[in-house]
Amino acid sequence: MPVQVKTMSCPTCGATVSYDQKECEYCGNALMVTSFRSIESMPMPNLNKHLASYRQALASEPDDKDLNISAAMCFLKLKQYNFALAAFEKAMPYNFDNSE
């Protein structure tokens, strides 16, 4: 069976990257939001770019825990609590050891 590479657009530079990576190989910025603190002071335009990238990647990988957690953090920052809750609930069965 062929291996499928999971790709998304880098939220910062727009390059196509594998979201299994921690940072973009082109611009060097982080690909995934891993905590609320990491986006605490992020400007809204950048936050919206991150969320758009995550939503696009979730269209093909709706159960990916890292994408759902990253999207949920963005939704929290945007005060879209219903969307954040739904994304966290999708990530929990696959990531119950992550207390944050």
Protein backbone atom coordinates (compact mmCIF):
# COMPACT_ATOMS: atom_id res chain seq x y z
CA MET A 1 0.00 0.00 0.00
CA PRO A 2 1.47 3.40 -0.95
CA VAL A 3 2.36 5.83 1.83
CA GLN A 4 0.30 8.99 1.80
CA VAL A 5 2.16 12.18 2.70
CA LYS A 6 -0.04 14.56 4.64
CA THR A 7 0.43 18.07 3.29
CA MET A 8 -0.89 21.52 3.99
CA SER A 9 -0.03 25.10 3.10
CA CYS A 10 2.39 26.79 5.47
CA PRO A 11 0.33 29.39 7.37
CA THR A 12 3.17 31.91 7.09
CA CYS A 13 4.62 31.59 3.58
CA GLY A 14 2.04 29.41 1.78
CA ALA A 15 4.50 26.71 0.71
CA THR A 16 3.23 23.14 0.51
CA VAL A 17 4.70 21.26 3.47
CA SER A 18 4.17 18.01 5.34
CA TYR A 19 2.38 18.74 8.59
CA ASP A 20 4.28 15.96 10.30
CA GLN A 21 7.13 18.51 10.45
CA LYS A 22 7.45 20.92 13.37
CA GLU A 23 8.43 23.90 11.22
CA CYS A 24 8.32 25.00 7.59
CA GLU A 25 11.42 24.01 5.67
CA TYR A 26 11.17 27.22 3.61
CA CYS A 27 10.48 30.01 6.10
CA GLY A 28 11.38 28.26 9.35
CA ASN A 29 8.19 29.18 11.20
CA ALA A 30 6.17 26.75 13.29
CA LEU A 31 3.46 24.88 11.39
CA MET A 32 1.26 23.79 14.27
CA VAL A 33 -0.13 25.67 17.21
CA THR A 34 0.64 23.50 20.21
CA SER A 35 -0.58 25.71 23.05
CA PHE A 36 -2.72 28.75 23.63
CA ARG A 37 0.36 30.60 24.86
CA SER A 38 2.00 30.23 21.43
CA ILE A 39 -0.76 32.33 19.81
CA GLU A 40 -1.50 34.63 22.75
CA SER A 41 0.05 37.69 21.09
CA MET A 42 -0.39 36.60 17.47
CA PRO A 43 -2.01 39.30 15.29
CA MET A 44 -5.47 38.40 13.98
CA PRO A 45 -4.46 38.29 10.29
CA ASN A 46 -1.78 35.69 11.10
CA LEU A 47 -4.19 33.74 13.28
CA ASN A 48 -6.72 33.65 10.44
CA LYS A 49 -4.02 32.39 8.03
CA HIS A 50 -3.17 29.56 10.43
CA LEU A 51 -6.81 28.62 10.87
CA ALA A 52 -7.41 28.65 7.10
CA SER A 53 -4.47 26.27 6.58
CA TYR A 54 -5.73 23.92 9.29
CA ARG A 55 -9.28 23.90 7.95
CA GLN A 56 -8.06 23.16 4.43
CA ALA A 57 -5.94 20.24 5.68
CA LEU A 58 -8.81 18.98 7.87
CA ALA A 59 -10.97 18.64 4.76
CA SER A 60 -8.84 15.65 3.73
CA GLU A 61 -7.79 14.47 7.24
CA PRO A 62 -10.74 15.27 9.54
CA ASP A 63 -9.56 13.06 12.41
CA ASP A 64 -5.95 14.25 12.61
CA LYS A 65 -5.30 15.09 16.26
CA ASP A 66 -2.59 17.70 15.65
CA LEU A 67 -4.68 19.60 13.10
CA ASN A 68 -7.74 19.51 15.36
CA ILE A 69 -5.79 20.76 18.38
CA SER A 70 -4.20 23.57 16.35
CA ALA A 71 -7.56 24.60 14.90
CA ALA A 72 -9.19 24.45 18.35
CA MET A 73 -6.54 26.78 19.81
CA CYS A 74 -7.20 29.26 17.00
CA PHE A 75 -10.96 29.03 17.54
CA LEU A 76 -10.42 29.71 21.27
CA LYS A 77 -8.41 32.83 20.51
CA LEU A 78 -11.17 33.96 18.12
CA LYS A 79 -13.77 33.28 20.86
CA GLN A 80 -15.58 30.79 18.62
CA TYR A 81 -16.14 28.39 21.49
CA ASN A 82 -18.55 25.99 19.75
CA PHE A 83 -16.02 25.33 16.97
CA ALA A 84 -13.20 25.01 19.51
CA LEU A 85 -15.17 22.46 21.54
CA ALA A 86 -15.95 20.38 18.45
CA ALA A 87 -12.28 20.35 17.39
CA PHE A 88 -11.08 19.45 20.89
CA GLU A 89 -13.63 16.63 21.07
CA LYS A 90 -12.32 15.21 17.79
CA ALA A 91 -8.73 15.32 19.08
CA MET A 92 -9.36 13.87 22.55
CA PRO A 93 -9.80 10.18 21.65
CA TYR A 94 -6.42 10.21 19.93
CA ASN A 95 -4.59 12.43 22.41
CA PHE A 96 -5.92 11.74 25.90
CA ASP A 97 -2.43 11.89 27.43
CA ASN A 98 -2.05 15.59 26.58
CA SER A 99 -3.27 17.39 29.70
CA GLU A 100 -3.03 20.84 28.11
